[in-house]
Every structure is written in structure tokens, then in C-alpha cells.
């Protein structure tokens, strides 16, 4: 069964073509607190990640990854932060600086 990115509006799925383009997929954390933070970041009402839920690398900053080994891993504590939300799901980031 192909993996589909759980992010709103993202159509990335695990295919050989996407893999060759460098798209990677990452399971939700097992740590309950961090898992909840990922779920909230998605802004999908009523969404609760299952054991097979994944997010693609396009929703993380480059510095969120550990690429030192053969497997691309998400660094401990990293949270997804890059999304293309429709206007009704966008929030203003008051006082926060984007880097």
C-alpha cells in the first residue's frame, strides 16, 4: 500500500519516481507530546495520526534532517512547519520571525 503524505493538500505519495526526486516520508513520532504537536501543525480538524500516517520531507526545514547516514532521519524534537494552507486555515504569526 503506497504511503500518502498526511498534510492538507499535499499529493506526494511514495513512488519510485518521487524517491528518485529525493522525496522522503517520515512516520509520526511515538512520543505522545511531540506526536500531538505534529497533528496540531497539520490543522486538519479531527485528525489523529495512525501507525501508518506519514509526512513527506517537503513540510520540514532542511535543518530538521539528519542526513549523515544512509537513511534520512528527522532530528529529535523537529516539527513540521512548511505548509500551503488555504486562506481559511492560515494564521498570522505575530511577533515570530521566519528564517
C-alpha atoms as a PDB file:
ATOM      1  CA  UNK A   1       0.000   0.000   0.000  1.00  0.00           C
ATOM      2  CA  UNK A   2       1.574   3.330  -1.019  1.00  0.00           C
ATOM      3  CA  UNK A   3       2.188   5.932   1.639  1.00  0.00           C
ATOM      4  CA  UNK A   4       0.407   9.255   1.202  1.00  0.00           C
ATOM      5  CA  UNK A   5       1.507  12.456   2.889  1.00  0.00           C
ATOM      6  CA  UNK A   6      -0.990  13.424   5.607  1.00  0.00           C
ATOM      7  CA  UNK A   7      -0.546  17.190   5.103  1.00  0.00           C
ATOM      8  CA  UNK A   8      -3.522  19.194   3.841  1.00  0.00           C
ATOM      9  CA  UNK A   9      -3.450  19.461   0.060  1.00  0.00           C
ATOM     10  CA  UNK A  10      -0.173  17.553  -0.363  1.00  0.00           C
ATOM     11  CA  UNK A  11      -0.333  14.957  -3.131  1.00  0.00           C
ATOM     12  CA  UNK A  12       3.051  13.348  -2.534  1.00  0.00           C
ATOM     13  CA  UNK A  13       2.976   9.589  -2.313  1.00  0.00           C
ATOM     14  CA  UNK A  14       5.755   7.053  -2.057  1.00  0.00           C
ATOM     15  CA  UNK A  15       6.609   6.084  -5.601  1.00  0.00           C
ATOM     16  CA  UNK A  16       9.870   5.191  -7.293  1.00  0.00           C
ATOM     17  CA  UNK A  17       9.663   8.470  -9.223  1.00  0.00           C
ATOM     18  CA  UNK A  18       9.274  10.561  -6.047  1.00  0.00           C
ATOM     19  CA  UNK A  19      12.064   8.638  -4.347  1.00  0.00           C
ATOM     20  CA  UNK A  20      14.396   9.442  -7.251  1.00  0.00           C
ATOM     21  CA  UNK A  21      13.407  13.127  -6.839  1.00  0.00           C
ATOM     22  CA  UNK A  22      14.522  12.979  -3.192  1.00  0.00           C
ATOM     23  CA  UNK A  23      11.054  12.915  -1.593  1.00  0.00           C
ATOM     24  CA  UNK A  24      11.244  11.062   1.718  1.00  0.00           C
ATOM     25  CA  UNK A  25       8.438  10.031   4.070  1.00  0.00           C
ATOM     26  CA  UNK A  26       8.546  10.098   7.846  1.00  0.00           C
ATOM     27  CA  UNK A  27       6.268   8.462  10.396  1.00  0.00           C
ATOM     28  CA  UNK A  28       4.718  10.464  13.189  1.00  0.00           C
ATOM     29  CA  UNK A  29       6.722  10.351  16.437  1.00  0.00           C
ATOM     30  CA  UNK A  30       5.900   7.747  19.076  1.00  0.00           C
ATOM     31  CA  UNK A  31       6.344  10.361  21.820  1.00  0.00           C
ATOM     32  CA  UNK A  32       2.754  11.424  22.579  1.00  0.00           C
ATOM     33  CA  UNK A  33       3.515  15.101  23.198  1.00  0.00           C
ATOM     34  CA  UNK A  34       5.571  15.556  20.020  1.00  0.00           C
ATOM     35  CA  UNK A  35       3.067  13.473  18.019  1.00  0.00           C
ATOM     36  CA  UNK A  36       0.287  15.805  19.154  1.00  0.00           C
ATOM     37  CA  UNK A  37       2.346  18.847  18.116  1.00  0.00           C
ATOM     38  CA  UNK A  38       2.728  17.352  14.627  1.00  0.00           C
ATOM     39  CA  UNK A  39      -1.025  16.670  14.446  1.00  0.00           C
ATOM     40  CA  UNK A  40      -1.861  20.250  15.501  1.00  0.00           C
ATOM     41  CA  UNK A  41       0.630  21.648  12.949  1.00  0.00           C
ATOM     42  CA  UNK A  42      -1.375  19.974  10.161  1.00  0.00           C
ATOM     43  CA  UNK A  43      -4.522  21.996  11.039  1.00  0.00           C
ATOM     44  CA  UNK A  44      -6.739  19.093   9.999  1.00  0.00           C
ATOM     45  CA  UNK A  45      -9.823  19.131  12.191  1.00  0.00           C
ATOM     46  CA  UNK A  46     -10.313  15.825  13.998  1.00  0.00           C
ATOM     47  CA  UNK A  47      -7.104  14.310  12.582  1.00  0.00           C
ATOM     48  CA  UNK A  48      -5.390  11.696  14.687  1.00  0.00           C
ATOM     49  CA  UNK A  49      -2.317  10.014  13.221  1.00  0.00           C
ATOM     50  CA  UNK A  50      -2.406   6.256  12.838  1.00  0.00           C
ATOM     51  CA  UNK A  51       0.567   3.905  12.944  1.00  0.00           C
ATOM     52  CA  UNK A  52       0.892   4.258   9.169  1.00  0.00           C
ATOM     53  CA  UNK A  53       0.461   8.063   8.920  1.00  0.00           C
ATOM     54  CA  UNK A  54       3.429   9.865   7.353  1.00  0.00           C
ATOM     55  CA  UNK A  55       4.548  13.342   6.320  1.00  0.00           C
ATOM     56  CA  UNK A  56       6.861  13.997   3.387  1.00  0.00           C
ATOM     57  CA  UNK A  57      10.100  15.934   3.700  1.00  0.00           C
ATOM     58  CA  UNK A  58       8.596  18.981   1.966  1.00  0.00           C
ATOM     59  CA  UNK A  59       6.952  20.017   5.260  1.00  0.00           C
ATOM     60  CA  UNK A  60      10.220  20.315   7.177  1.00  0.00           C
ATOM     61  CA  UNK A  61      13.115  22.768   7.066  1.00  0.00           C
ATOM     62  CA  UNK A  62      16.476  21.461   5.766  1.00  0.00           C
ATOM     63  CA  UNK A  63      17.988  21.752   9.248  1.00  0.00           C
ATOM     64  CA  UNK A  64      15.303  19.368  10.610  1.00  0.00           C
ATOM     65  CA  UNK A  65      17.043  16.425   8.925  1.00  0.00           C
ATOM     66  CA  UNK A  66      19.945  14.194   9.844  1.00  0.00           C
ATOM     67  CA  UNK A  67      21.488  13.077   6.560  1.00  0.00           C
ATOM     68  CA  UNK A  68      24.732  11.671   7.995  1.00  0.00           C
ATOM     69  CA  UNK A  69      23.817   8.021   7.402  1.00  0.00           C
ATOM     70  CA  UNK A  70      22.249   6.079   4.560  1.00  0.00           C
ATOM     71  CA  UNK A  71      18.757   6.804   5.878  1.00  0.00           C
ATOM     72  CA  UNK A  72      17.361  10.346   6.024  1.00  0.00           C
ATOM     73  CA  UNK A  73      16.004  10.909   9.532  1.00  0.00           C
ATOM     74  CA  UNK A  74      14.109  13.694  11.252  1.00  0.00           C
ATOM     75  CA  UNK A  75      16.114  15.222  14.102  1.00  0.00           C
ATOM     76  CA  UNK A  76      14.764  14.714  17.615  1.00  0.00           C
ATOM     77  CA  UNK A  77      12.204  17.365  18.502  1.00  0.00           C
ATOM     78  CA  UNK A  78      11.760  18.678  14.922  1.00  0.00           C
ATOM     79  CA  UNK A  79       8.246  19.733  13.958  1.00  0.00           C
ATOM     80  CA  UNK A  80       6.713  20.187  10.504  1.00  0.00           C
ATOM     81  CA  UNK A  81       6.424  23.871   9.647  1.00  0.00           C
ATOM     82  CA  UNK A  82       6.101  24.274   5.872  1.00  0.00           C
ATOM     83  CA  UNK A  83       2.561  24.050   4.515  1.00  0.00           C
ATOM     84  CA  UNK A  84       0.401  25.576   1.778  1.00  0.00           C
ATOM     85  CA  UNK A  85      -2.777  26.213   3.708  1.00  0.00           C
ATOM     86  CA  UNK A  86      -5.895  27.671   2.102  1.00  0.00           C
ATOM     87  CA  UNK A  87      -6.867  31.137   3.405  1.00  0.00           C
ATOM     88  CA  UNK A  88      -9.344  29.819   5.982  1.00  0.00           C
ATOM     89  CA  UNK A  89      -6.601  27.741   7.667  1.00  0.00           C
ATOM     90  CA  UNK A  90      -3.871  30.383   7.636  1.00  0.00           C
ATOM     91  CA  UNK A  91      -2.840  32.009  10.878  1.00  0.00           C
ATOM     92  CA  UNK A  92      -0.937  35.208  11.335  1.00  0.00           C
ATOM     93  CA  UNK A  93       2.422  34.730  13.008  1.00  0.00           C
ATOM     94  CA  UNK A  94       2.565  37.808  15.204  1.00  0.00           C
ATOM     95  CA  UNK A  95       5.997  38.548  16.561  1.00  0.00           C
ATOM     96  CA  UNK A  96       7.528  35.423  15.053  1.00  0.00           C
ATOM     97  CA  UNK A  97      10.405  35.718  12.666  1.00  0.00           C
ATOM     98  CA  UNK A  98      10.738  33.318   9.744  1.00  0.00           C
ATOM     99  CA  UNK A  99      14.282  32.254   8.953  1.00  0.00           C
END
